[in-house]
Amino acid sequence: MSKRYNVLKQSDMSRFSKDLENAIYSTIKDGINNSTYEIECPDCHKSFKAAVAKNICPNCGATVNLDVKF
């Protein structure tokens, strides 16, 4: 069920603005966390695709923790 706002009331406009901002941040955060990134292994210096989590370098087997600050 969607929320209803009376945009003529200041309190509802504030609530609408905050809800919209939260929805945008949530969508961006989900996109970042569900993507893969080309990174360089700190041990062997070869590139590979990694997700936001612990990753194993396919070249040397080193553990690489990819954490994206938002």
N, C-alpha and C. Protein backbone atom coordinates (compact mmCIF):
# COMPACT_ATOMS: atom_id res chain seq x y z
N MET A 1 0.85 -1.17 0.00
CA MET A 1 0.00 0.00 0.00
C MET A 1 0.90 1.23 0.00
N SER A 2 0.60 2.18 -0.87
CA SER A 2 1.41 3.39 -0.96
C SER A 2 0.96 4.41 0.09
N LYS A 3 1.89 5.28 0.43
CA LYS A 3 1.58 6.31 1.41
C LYS A 3 0.87 7.46 0.72
N ARG A 4 0.07 8.17 1.48
CA ARG A 4 -0.65 9.33 0.95
C ARG A 4 -0.15 10.58 1.64
N TYR A 5 -0.02 11.63 0.86
CA TYR A 5 0.48 12.90 1.38
C TYR A 5 -0.44 14.02 0.94
N ASN A 6 -0.65 14.95 1.83
CA ASN A 6 -1.34 16.19 1.47
C ASN A 6 -0.23 17.22 1.27
N VAL A 7 0.11 17.46 0.00
CA VAL A 7 1.27 18.30 -0.31
C VAL A 7 1.05 19.76 0.05
N LEU A 8 -0.15 20.13 0.42
CA LEU A 8 -0.41 21.50 0.84
C LEU A 8 -0.06 21.72 2.31
N LYS A 9 0.12 20.63 3.05
CA LYS A 9 0.51 20.74 4.46
C LYS A 9 2.02 20.62 4.58
N GLN A 10 2.63 21.52 5.34
CA GLN A 10 4.08 21.54 5.50
C GLN A 10 4.59 20.23 6.12
N SER A 11 3.87 19.69 7.10
CA SER A 11 4.33 18.46 7.76
C SER A 11 4.32 17.28 6.79
N ASP A 12 3.31 17.22 5.93
CA ASP A 12 3.26 16.14 4.93
C ASP A 12 4.35 16.32 3.87
N MET A 13 4.64 17.56 3.49
CA MET A 13 5.71 17.80 2.52
C MET A 13 7.06 17.39 3.09
N SER A 14 7.28 17.65 4.36
CA SER A 14 8.52 17.25 5.01
C SER A 14 8.63 15.72 5.04
N ARG A 15 7.54 15.07 5.38
CA ARG A 15 7.51 13.60 5.41
C ARG A 15 7.75 13.03 4.02
N PHE A 16 7.08 13.62 3.00
CA PHE A 16 7.24 13.19 1.62
C PHE A 16 8.70 13.34 1.17
N SER A 17 9.29 14.48 1.49
CA SER A 17 10.68 14.75 1.11
C SER A 17 11.62 13.73 1.74
N LYS A 18 11.44 13.46 3.02
CA LYS A 18 12.28 12.50 3.74
C LYS A 18 12.09 11.09 3.19
N ASP A 19 10.85 10.68 2.93
CA ASP A 19 10.58 9.35 2.37
C ASP A 19 11.19 9.21 0.98
N LEU A 20 11.11 10.25 0.17
CA LEU A 20 11.68 10.23 -1.17
C LEU A 20 13.21 10.10 -1.09
N GLU A 21 13.83 10.86 -0.21
CA GLU A 21 15.27 10.79 -0.02
C GLU A 21 15.70 9.40 0.42
N ASN A 22 14.98 8.80 1.36
CA ASN A 22 15.30 7.45 1.83
C ASN A 22 15.16 6.42 0.72
N ALA A 23 14.13 6.56 -0.12
CA ALA A 23 13.92 5.63 -1.23
C ALA A 23 15.05 5.73 -2.25
N ILE A 24 15.51 6.94 -2.52
CA ILE A 24 16.61 7.14 -3.47
C ILE A 24 17.90 6.53 -2.92
N TYR A 25 18.23 6.81 -1.66
CA TYR A 25 19.43 6.24 -1.06
C TYR A 25 19.38 4.72 -1.04
N SER A 26 18.23 4.15 -0.74
CA SER A 26 18.07 2.71 -0.70
C SER A 26 18.31 2.09 -2.08
N THR A 27 17.78 2.74 -3.12
CA THR A 27 17.96 2.24 -4.49
C THR A 27 19.43 2.30 -4.90
N ILE A 28 20.09 3.40 -4.58
CA ILE A 28 21.51 3.55 -4.90
C ILE A 28 22.34 2.51 -4.16
N LYS A 29 22.07 2.34 -2.88
CA LYS A 29 22.81 1.38 -2.06
C LYS A 29 22.65 -0.04 -2.59
N ASP A 30 21.43 -0.41 -2.97
CA ASP A 30 21.18 -1.74 -3.54
C ASP A 30 21.96 -1.93 -4.83
N GLY A 31 21.99 -0.90 -5.67
CA GLY A 31 22.74 -0.98 -6.91
C GLY A 31 24.23 -1.16 -6.69
N ILE A 32 24.77 -0.45 -5.72
CA ILE A 32 26.20 -0.56 -5.39
C ILE A 32 26.51 -1.95 -4.85
N ASN A 33 25.70 -2.44 -3.95
CA ASN A 33 25.96 -3.73 -3.32
C ASN A 33 25.74 -4.92 -4.25
N ASN A 34 24.96 -4.76 -5.31
CA ASN A 34 24.67 -5.87 -6.23
C ASN A 34 25.49 -5.81 -7.51
N SER A 35 26.48 -4.96 -7.57
CA SER A 35 27.32 -4.82 -8.75
C SER A 35 28.67 -5.49 -8.53
N THR A 36 29.40 -5.69 -9.62
CA THR A 36 30.76 -6.16 -9.52
C THR A 36 31.68 -5.05 -10.01
N TYR A 37 32.90 -5.06 -9.51
CA TYR A 37 33.86 -4.00 -9.80
C TYR A 37 35.18 -4.61 -10.21
N GLU A 38 35.84 -3.97 -11.15
CA GLU A 38 37.17 -4.39 -11.58
C GLU A 38 38.18 -3.83 -10.56
N ILE A 39 38.86 -4.73 -9.85
CA ILE A 39 39.83 -4.29 -8.85
C ILE A 39 41.18 -4.94 -9.12
N GLU A 40 42.20 -4.41 -8.48
CA GLU A 40 43.54 -4.98 -8.59
C GLU A 40 43.89 -5.70 -7.29
N CYS A 41 44.36 -6.91 -7.41
CA CYS A 41 44.76 -7.69 -6.23
C CYS A 41 45.96 -7.01 -5.58
N PRO A 42 45.92 -6.81 -4.26
CA PRO A 42 47.05 -6.16 -3.59
C PRO A 42 48.30 -7.04 -3.53
N ASP A 43 48.14 -8.37 -3.73
CA ASP A 43 49.29 -9.27 -3.68
C ASP A 43 49.97 -9.45 -5.04
N CYS A 44 49.19 -9.89 -6.05
CA CYS A 44 49.79 -10.18 -7.35
C CYS A 44 49.63 -9.04 -8.36
N HIS A 45 48.83 -8.02 -8.02
CA HIS A 45 48.61 -6.83 -8.84
C HIS A 45 47.94 -7.11 -10.18
N LYS A 46 47.21 -8.22 -10.27
CA LYS A 46 46.43 -8.50 -11.47
C LYS A 46 44.99 -8.11 -11.23
N SER A 47 44.29 -7.72 -12.28
CA SER A 47 42.90 -7.28 -12.18
C SER A 47 41.94 -8.46 -12.21
N PHE A 48 40.84 -8.31 -11.47
CA PHE A 48 39.74 -9.28 -11.53
C PHE A 48 38.46 -8.60 -11.06
N LYS A 49 37.32 -9.23 -11.39
CA LYS A 49 36.03 -8.68 -10.98
C LYS A 49 35.69 -9.17 -9.58
N ALA A 50 35.23 -8.23 -8.75
CA ALA A 50 34.91 -8.55 -7.36
C ALA A 50 33.57 -7.94 -6.98
N ALA A 51 32.88 -8.60 -6.07
CA ALA A 51 31.62 -8.10 -5.51
C ALA A 51 31.92 -7.46 -4.16
N VAL A 52 30.94 -6.74 -3.64
CA VAL A 52 31.08 -6.15 -2.30
C VAL A 52 30.94 -7.29 -1.29
N ALA A 53 32.09 -7.79 -0.84
CA ALA A 53 32.15 -8.90 0.11
C ALA A 53 33.60 -9.40 0.13
N LYS A 54 33.81 -10.58 0.71
CA LYS A 54 35.13 -11.21 0.65
C LYS A 54 35.25 -11.88 -0.71
N ASN A 55 36.38 -11.70 -1.36
CA ASN A 55 36.64 -12.28 -2.66
C ASN A 55 37.98 -13.00 -2.63
N ILE A 56 38.11 -14.01 -3.48
CA ILE A 56 39.35 -14.74 -3.64
C ILE A 56 39.92 -14.38 -5.00
N CYS A 57 41.15 -13.92 -5.03
CA CYS A 57 41.80 -13.60 -6.30
C CYS A 57 41.95 -14.89 -7.10
N PRO A 58 41.44 -14.91 -8.34
CA PRO A 58 41.54 -16.13 -9.15
C PRO A 58 42.98 -16.40 -9.62
N ASN A 59 43.86 -15.44 -9.52
CA ASN A 59 45.24 -15.61 -9.99
C ASN A 59 46.16 -16.17 -8.91
N CYS A 60 46.06 -15.63 -7.68
CA CYS A 60 46.99 -16.05 -6.64
C CYS A 60 46.30 -16.65 -5.41
N GLY A 61 44.98 -16.53 -5.31
CA GLY A 61 44.25 -17.10 -4.17
C GLY A 61 44.20 -16.22 -2.95
N ALA A 62 44.67 -15.00 -3.05
CA ALA A 62 44.64 -14.08 -1.90
C ALA A 62 43.19 -13.66 -1.61
N THR A 63 42.90 -13.45 -0.35
CA THR A 63 41.59 -12.98 0.07
C THR A 63 41.56 -11.45 0.01
N VAL A 64 40.57 -10.92 -0.70
CA VAL A 64 40.43 -9.48 -0.84
C VAL A 64 39.03 -9.10 -0.38
N ASN A 65 38.96 -8.23 0.62
CA ASN A 65 37.68 -7.79 1.14
C ASN A 65 37.32 -6.45 0.50
N LEU A 66 36.26 -6.45 -0.30
CA LEU A 66 35.82 -5.21 -0.95
C LEU A 66 34.65 -4.64 -0.15
N ASP A 67 34.88 -3.45 0.38
CA ASP A 67 33.87 -2.76 1.18
C ASP A 67 33.69 -1.37 0.59
N VAL A 68 32.46 -1.04 0.21
CA VAL A 68 32.18 0.26 -0.38
C VAL A 68 31.49 1.12 0.69
N LYS A 69 32.11 2.23 1.03
CA LYS A 69 31.53 3.15 2.00
C LYS A 69 30.53 4.04 1.30
N PHE A 70 29.37 4.17 1.88
CA PHE A 70 28.31 4.99 1.29
C PHE A 70 27.86 6.03 2.28
